[in-house]
Amino acid sequence: MSTLNEVLTKNLHGLYYGNRILLPFKADILKAVIEKSIITDFSDFSEQAEYEIKDNRTEIYFYEYADLSEFITTYETIKLIVVEEGRDIFDIKNHIKLILHLNDGHEIKIEEAGENFLFIE
């Protein structure tokens, strides 16, 4: 299993299939921004999205999209605010802003959002 820091420094990638994203680290998802939607409810009752932490990864399901690649183009991204598993979720310093780029071959490029990147709070 990789840590979030390892994923970012080694440029490890995630995967996507249909409406499902697989991230190669374990984290709680606090917020997702996809197209014009801001998602903060990831409960079992959410109609927008849900996530699950597995043994060595985090899986996110975006229910409003049958196939993410039909909606997220090369020039668009999915933005997340995450807290790596084991970190204090109540310490804002542990909230990491990530940008996900969907690439060919079902691959997701994962990068940390810089200070100049517009991120809807």
N, C-alpha and C. Protein backbone atom coordinates (compact mmCIF):
# COMPACT_ATOMS: atom_id res chain seq x y z
N MET A 1 0.84 -1.18 0.00
CA MET A 1 0.00 0.00 0.00
C MET A 1 0.89 1.24 0.00
N SER A 2 0.49 2.23 -0.77
CA SER A 2 1.22 3.49 -0.85
C SER A 2 0.56 4.53 0.04
N THR A 3 1.39 5.43 0.55
CA THR A 3 0.84 6.58 1.27
C THR A 3 0.52 7.66 0.24
N LEU A 4 -0.24 8.64 0.65
CA LEU A 4 -0.56 9.75 -0.24
C LEU A 4 0.72 10.49 -0.65
N ASN A 5 1.63 10.68 0.29
CA ASN A 5 2.90 11.34 -0.02
C ASN A 5 3.69 10.57 -1.07
N GLU A 6 3.73 9.25 -0.96
CA GLU A 6 4.42 8.43 -1.96
C GLU A 6 3.77 8.56 -3.34
N VAL A 7 2.45 8.57 -3.36
CA VAL A 7 1.72 8.72 -4.63
C VAL A 7 2.09 10.03 -5.29
N LEU A 8 2.15 11.10 -4.51
CA LEU A 8 2.45 12.41 -5.07
C LEU A 8 3.91 12.54 -5.48
N THR A 9 4.84 12.05 -4.69
CA THR A 9 6.26 12.22 -5.01
C THR A 9 6.72 11.26 -6.10
N LYS A 10 6.14 10.08 -6.17
CA LYS A 10 6.54 9.10 -7.19
C LYS A 10 5.66 9.15 -8.44
N ASN A 11 4.71 10.08 -8.45
CA ASN A 11 3.78 10.22 -9.59
C ASN A 11 3.05 8.92 -9.91
N LEU A 12 2.60 8.23 -8.86
CA LEU A 12 1.82 7.01 -9.06
C LEU A 12 0.43 7.41 -9.54
N HIS A 13 -0.21 6.55 -10.27
CA HIS A 13 -1.51 6.89 -10.84
C HIS A 13 -2.64 6.06 -10.23
N GLY A 14 -3.85 6.56 -10.43
CA GLY A 14 -5.05 5.84 -10.08
C GLY A 14 -5.68 5.28 -11.34
N LEU A 15 -6.87 4.75 -11.19
CA LEU A 15 -7.60 4.18 -12.32
C LEU A 15 -9.06 4.64 -12.28
N TYR A 16 -9.70 4.59 -13.43
CA TYR A 16 -11.13 4.84 -13.48
C TYR A 16 -11.77 3.87 -14.48
N TYR A 17 -12.95 3.42 -14.13
CA TYR A 17 -13.76 2.56 -14.98
C TYR A 17 -15.20 2.97 -14.81
N GLY A 18 -15.82 3.44 -15.87
CA GLY A 18 -17.21 3.88 -15.79
C GLY A 18 -17.35 5.03 -14.82
N ASN A 19 -18.11 4.82 -13.77
CA ASN A 19 -18.33 5.87 -12.76
C ASN A 19 -17.48 5.65 -11.51
N ARG A 20 -16.52 4.75 -11.60
CA ARG A 20 -15.72 4.32 -10.44
C ARG A 20 -14.28 4.81 -10.56
N ILE A 21 -13.76 5.40 -9.46
CA ILE A 21 -12.37 5.84 -9.38
C ILE A 21 -11.67 5.02 -8.31
N LEU A 22 -10.47 4.56 -8.62
CA LEU A 22 -9.65 3.83 -7.67
C LEU A 22 -8.39 4.64 -7.39
N LEU A 23 -8.19 5.01 -6.14
CA LEU A 23 -7.02 5.78 -5.72
C LEU A 23 -6.08 4.85 -4.96
N PRO A 24 -4.77 4.91 -5.23
CA PRO A 24 -3.82 3.96 -4.64
C PRO A 24 -3.36 4.33 -3.22
N PHE A 25 -4.25 4.87 -2.43
CA PHE A 25 -3.97 5.21 -1.03
C PHE A 25 -5.29 5.19 -0.28
N LYS A 26 -5.22 5.16 1.03
CA LYS A 26 -6.42 5.12 1.86
C LYS A 26 -6.67 6.52 2.45
N ALA A 27 -7.89 7.05 2.21
CA ALA A 27 -8.21 8.39 2.69
C ALA A 27 -9.70 8.58 2.83
N ASP A 28 -10.05 9.49 3.74
CA ASP A 28 -11.43 9.95 3.84
C ASP A 28 -11.61 11.07 2.82
N ILE A 29 -12.73 11.07 2.14
CA ILE A 29 -13.04 12.10 1.15
C ILE A 29 -13.98 13.10 1.81
N LEU A 30 -13.57 14.36 1.89
CA LEU A 30 -14.40 15.39 2.50
C LEU A 30 -15.25 16.14 1.47
N LYS A 31 -14.68 16.33 0.28
CA LYS A 31 -15.39 17.08 -0.75
C LYS A 31 -14.89 16.66 -2.12
N ALA A 32 -15.81 16.65 -3.08
CA ALA A 32 -15.46 16.41 -4.48
C ALA A 32 -16.14 17.47 -5.32
N VAL A 33 -15.40 17.97 -6.29
CA VAL A 33 -15.96 18.92 -7.25
C VAL A 33 -15.80 18.26 -8.61
N ILE A 34 -16.93 18.00 -9.25
CA ILE A 34 -16.93 17.35 -10.55
C ILE A 34 -17.93 18.10 -11.42
N GLU A 35 -17.46 18.60 -12.55
CA GLU A 35 -18.22 19.50 -13.40
C GLU A 35 -18.69 20.67 -12.54
N LYS A 36 -20.00 20.88 -12.44
CA LYS A 36 -20.53 21.99 -11.64
C LYS A 36 -21.06 21.52 -10.29
N SER A 37 -20.88 20.26 -9.99
CA SER A 37 -21.39 19.69 -8.74
C SER A 37 -20.33 19.74 -7.64
N ILE A 38 -20.76 20.16 -6.46
CA ILE A 38 -19.93 20.11 -5.27
C ILE A 38 -20.56 19.07 -4.36
N ILE A 39 -19.82 18.01 -4.10
CA ILE A 39 -20.36 16.88 -3.34
C ILE A 39 -19.68 16.82 -1.98
N THR A 40 -20.50 16.83 -0.93
CA THR A 40 -19.97 16.69 0.43
C THR A 40 -20.65 15.54 1.18
N ASP A 41 -21.68 14.96 0.59
CA ASP A 41 -22.38 13.84 1.21
C ASP A 41 -21.97 12.55 0.52
N PHE A 42 -21.22 11.72 1.22
CA PHE A 42 -20.78 10.45 0.69
C PHE A 42 -21.39 9.29 1.48
N SER A 43 -22.53 9.55 2.11
CA SER A 43 -23.17 8.53 2.93
C SER A 43 -23.80 7.46 2.04
N ASP A 44 -24.23 6.38 2.68
CA ASP A 44 -24.90 5.30 1.95
C ASP A 44 -26.18 5.78 1.28
N PHE A 45 -26.73 6.89 1.74
CA PHE A 45 -27.99 7.38 1.21
C PHE A 45 -27.81 8.45 0.15
N SER A 46 -26.58 8.83 -0.13
CA SER A 46 -26.30 9.86 -1.13
C SER A 46 -26.66 9.37 -2.52
N GLU A 47 -27.27 10.24 -3.29
CA GLU A 47 -27.59 9.93 -4.68
C GLU A 47 -26.49 10.40 -5.61
N GLN A 48 -25.50 11.14 -5.09
CA GLN A 48 -24.43 11.68 -5.93
C GLN A 48 -23.17 10.82 -5.92
N ALA A 49 -22.70 10.45 -4.74
CA ALA A 49 -21.43 9.73 -4.67
C ALA A 49 -21.30 8.98 -3.35
N GLU A 50 -20.43 8.01 -3.38
CA GLU A 50 -20.10 7.24 -2.18
C GLU A 50 -18.66 6.78 -2.32
N TYR A 51 -17.96 6.62 -1.20
CA TYR A 51 -16.61 6.07 -1.27
C TYR A 51 -16.45 4.97 -0.23
N GLU A 52 -15.47 4.13 -0.51
CA GLU A 52 -15.19 3.00 0.38
C GLU A 52 -13.67 2.83 0.47
N ILE A 53 -13.19 2.66 1.68
CA ILE A 53 -11.76 2.42 1.89
C ILE A 53 -11.56 0.91 1.94
N LYS A 54 -10.71 0.42 1.04
CA LYS A 54 -10.40 -1.01 0.96
C LYS A 54 -9.04 -1.26 1.60
N ASP A 55 -8.51 -2.46 1.44
CA ASP A 55 -7.23 -2.84 2.05
C ASP A 55 -6.08 -1.93 1.64
N ASN A 56 -6.00 -1.57 0.36
CA ASN A 56 -4.86 -0.80 -0.11
C ASN A 56 -5.26 0.35 -1.03
N ARG A 57 -6.53 0.74 -0.98
CA ARG A 57 -7.00 1.78 -1.90
C ARG A 57 -8.29 2.41 -1.39
N THR A 58 -8.67 3.49 -2.07
CA THR A 58 -9.95 4.15 -1.83
C THR A 58 -10.71 4.13 -3.14
N GLU A 59 -11.96 3.71 -3.10
CA GLU A 59 -12.80 3.67 -4.29
C GLU A 59 -13.92 4.70 -4.15
N ILE A 60 -14.14 5.47 -5.20
CA ILE A 60 -15.20 6.47 -5.23
C ILE A 60 -16.14 6.13 -6.37
N TYR A 61 -17.44 6.18 -6.10
CA TYR A 61 -18.46 5.95 -7.10
C TYR A 61 -19.26 7.23 -7.28
N PHE A 62 -19.29 7.75 -8.50
CA PHE A 62 -20.08 8.94 -8.82
C PHE A 62 -21.35 8.46 -9.54
N TYR A 63 -22.45 8.44 -8.81
CA TYR A 63 -23.69 7.84 -9.30
C TYR A 63 -24.36 8.62 -10.42
N GLU A 64 -24.09 9.89 -10.55
CA GLU A 64 -24.75 10.70 -11.58
C GLU A 64 -24.10 10.53 -12.95
N TYR A 65 -23.05 9.74 -13.05
CA TYR A 65 -22.31 9.56 -14.29
C TYR A 65 -22.19 8.07 -14.60
N ALA A 66 -22.64 7.67 -15.78
CA ALA A 66 -22.47 6.28 -16.18
C ALA A 66 -21.01 6.02 -16.57
N ASP A 67 -20.41 7.03 -17.24
CA ASP A 67 -19.03 6.91 -17.68
C ASP A 67 -18.36 8.27 -17.53
N LEU A 68 -17.45 8.40 -16.59
CA LEU A 68 -16.80 9.68 -16.31
C LEU A 68 -16.08 10.24 -17.53
N SER A 69 -15.52 9.39 -18.36
CA SER A 69 -14.75 9.87 -19.51
C SER A 69 -15.63 10.59 -20.54
N GLU A 70 -16.93 10.39 -20.49
CA GLU A 70 -17.84 11.10 -21.39
C GLU A 70 -18.09 12.54 -20.92
N PHE A 71 -17.81 12.83 -19.66
CA PHE A 71 -18.09 14.15 -19.10
C PHE A 71 -16.83 14.93 -18.73
N ILE A 72 -15.78 14.23 -18.36
CA ILE A 72 -14.53 14.89 -17.95
C ILE A 72 -13.54 14.77 -19.10
N THR A 73 -13.30 15.90 -19.77
CA THR A 73 -12.41 15.91 -20.93
C THR A 73 -10.97 16.19 -20.49
N THR A 74 -10.10 16.27 -21.46
CA THR A 74 -8.68 16.55 -21.21
C THR A 74 -8.48 17.87 -20.46
N TYR A 75 -9.38 18.82 -20.70
CA TYR A 75 -9.23 20.16 -20.12
C TYR A 75 -9.98 20.32 -18.80
N GLU A 76 -10.63 19.28 -18.34
CA GLU A 76 -11.37 19.34 -17.09
C GLU A 76 -10.75 18.38 -16.09
N THR A 77 -11.07 18.60 -14.83
CA THR A 77 -10.52 17.75 -13.77
C THR A 77 -11.59 17.43 -12.75
N ILE A 78 -11.27 16.50 -11.89
CA ILE A 78 -12.05 16.23 -10.69
C ILE A 78 -11.19 16.71 -9.53
N LYS A 79 -11.79 17.48 -8.65
CA LYS A 79 -11.05 18.02 -7.51
C LYS A 79 -11.56 17.35 -6.23
N LEU A 80 -10.63 17.02 -5.35
CA LEU A 80 -10.99 16.37 -4.09
C LEU A 80 -10.29 17.06 -2.93
N ILE A 81 -10.95 17.04 -1.78
CA ILE A 81 -10.29 17.35 -0.52
C ILE A 81 -10.31 16.05 0.28
N VAL A 82 -9.12 15.59 0.66
CA VAL A 82 -8.99 14.30 1.34
C VAL A 82 -8.17 14.45 2.62
N VAL A 83 -8.34 13.48 3.50
CA VAL A 83 -7.49 13.34 4.69
C VAL A 83 -7.03 11.89 4.70
N GLU A 84 -5.72 11.71 4.65
CA GLU A 84 -5.18 10.36 4.62
C GLU A 84 -5.57 9.60 5.88
N GLU A 85 -5.87 8.33 5.70
CA GLU A 85 -6.25 7.49 6.84
C GLU A 85 -5.16 7.53 7.91
N GLY A 86 -5.59 7.67 9.15
CA GLY A 86 -4.65 7.74 10.27
C GLY A 86 -4.31 9.16 10.69
N ARG A 87 -4.64 10.13 9.86
CA ARG A 87 -4.40 11.54 10.19
C ARG A 87 -5.63 12.12 10.88
N ASP A 88 -5.41 13.17 11.66
CA ASP A 88 -6.49 13.84 12.38
C ASP A 88 -7.36 14.61 11.39
N ILE A 89 -8.58 14.17 11.20
CA ILE A 89 -9.49 14.79 10.24
C ILE A 89 -9.89 16.20 10.69
N PHE A 90 -9.77 16.50 11.97
CA PHE A 90 -10.18 17.80 12.50
C PHE A 90 -9.06 18.85 12.44
N ASP A 91 -7.88 18.43 12.05
CA ASP A 91 -6.76 19.36 11.87
C ASP A 91 -6.72 19.77 10.40
N ILE A 92 -7.06 21.02 10.12
CA ILE A 92 -7.16 21.52 8.75
C ILE A 92 -5.85 21.33 7.98
N LYS A 93 -4.72 21.31 8.67
CA LYS A 93 -3.43 21.11 8.00
C LYS A 93 -3.36 19.75 7.31
N ASN A 94 -4.19 18.81 7.74
CA ASN A 94 -4.21 17.48 7.14
C ASN A 94 -5.15 17.38 5.95
N HIS A 95 -5.88 18.44 5.63
CA HIS A 95 -6.80 18.44 4.48
C HIS A 95 -5.98 18.72 3.23
N ILE A 96 -5.91 17.75 2.33
CA ILE A 96 -5.10 17.84 1.12
C ILE A 96 -6.02 18.03 -0.08
N LYS A 97 -5.71 19.03 -0.89
CA LYS A 97 -6.48 19.31 -2.11
C LYS A 97 -5.79 18.60 -3.27
N LEU A 98 -6.55 17.73 -3.92
CA LEU A 98 -6.01 16.96 -5.03
C LEU A 98 -6.74 17.28 -6.32
N ILE A 99 -6.02 17.11 -7.41
CA ILE A 99 -6.60 17.27 -8.74
C ILE A 99 -6.40 15.95 -9.48
N LEU A 100 -7.49 15.44 -10.05
CA LEU A 100 -7.43 14.19 -10.79
C LEU A 100 -7.66 14.48 -12.27
N HIS A 101 -6.73 14.03 -13.10
CA HIS A 101 -6.83 14.16 -14.55
C HIS A 101 -7.11 12.78 -15.12
N LEU A 102 -8.19 12.63 -15.86
CA LEU A 102 -8.50 11.36 -16.50
C LEU A 102 -7.73 11.27 -17.81
N ASN A 103 -6.87 10.27 -17.92
CA ASN A 103 -6.06 10.06 -19.12
C ASN A 103 -6.53 8.83 -19.88
N ASP A 104 -5.97 8.62 -21.03
CA ASP A 104 -6.29 7.43 -21.82
C ASP A 104 -5.90 6.17 -21.05
N GLY A 105 -6.48 5.07 -21.44
CA GLY A 105 -6.14 3.79 -20.81
C GLY A 105 -6.65 3.66 -19.40
N HIS A 106 -7.68 4.41 -19.04
CA HIS A 106 -8.31 4.35 -17.71
C HIS A 106 -7.39 4.83 -16.59
N GLU A 107 -6.34 5.56 -16.93
CA GLU A 107 -5.39 6.02 -15.94
C GLU A 107 -5.75 7.41 -15.43
N ILE A 108 -5.52 7.64 -14.14
CA ILE A 108 -5.76 8.93 -13.50
C ILE A 108 -4.44 9.50 -13.00
N LYS A 109 -4.11 10.69 -13.46
CA LYS A 109 -2.95 11.40 -12.93
C LYS A 109 -3.41 12.13 -11.67
N ILE A 110 -2.66 11.97 -10.59
CA ILE A 110 -3.02 12.57 -9.30
C ILE A 110 -1.97 13.62 -8.95
N GLU A 111 -2.42 14.83 -8.68
CA GLU A 111 -1.48 15.87 -8.26
C GLU A 111 -2.10 16.71 -7.16
N GLU A 112 -1.23 17.30 -6.37
CA GLU A 112 -1.70 18.20 -5.31
C GLU A 112 -1.95 19.56 -5.92
N ALA A 113 -3.06 20.19 -5.52
CA ALA A 113 -3.40 21.51 -6.03
C ALA A 113 -2.45 22.54 -5.46
N GLY A 114 -1.86 23.35 -6.31
CA GLY A 114 -0.98 24.42 -5.86
C GLY A 114 -1.80 25.57 -5.31
N GLU A 115 -1.14 26.51 -4.70
CA GLU A 115 -1.82 27.65 -4.10
C GLU A 115 -2.53 28.52 -5.14
N ASN A 116 -2.05 28.52 -6.38
CA ASN A 116 -2.65 29.34 -7.41
C ASN A 116 -3.80 28.66 -8.14
N PHE A 117 -4.07 27.41 -7.81
CA PHE A 117 -5.13 26.66 -8.47
C PHE A 117 -6.48 27.02 -7.86
N LEU A 118 -7.43 27.40 -8.70
CA LEU A 118 -8.77 27.74 -8.23
C LEU A 118 -9.47 26.50 -7.72
N PHE A 119 -9.84 26.53 -6.46
CA PHE A 119 -10.48 25.38 -5.83
C PHE A 119 -11.66 25.89 -5.05
N ILE A 120 -12.84 25.49 -5.43
CA ILE A 120 -14.07 25.99 -4.79
C ILE A 120 -14.13 25.46 -3.37
N GLU A 121 -14.24 26.37 -2.43
CA GLU A 121 -14.32 26.00 -1.02
C GLU A 121 -15.73 25.93 -0.59
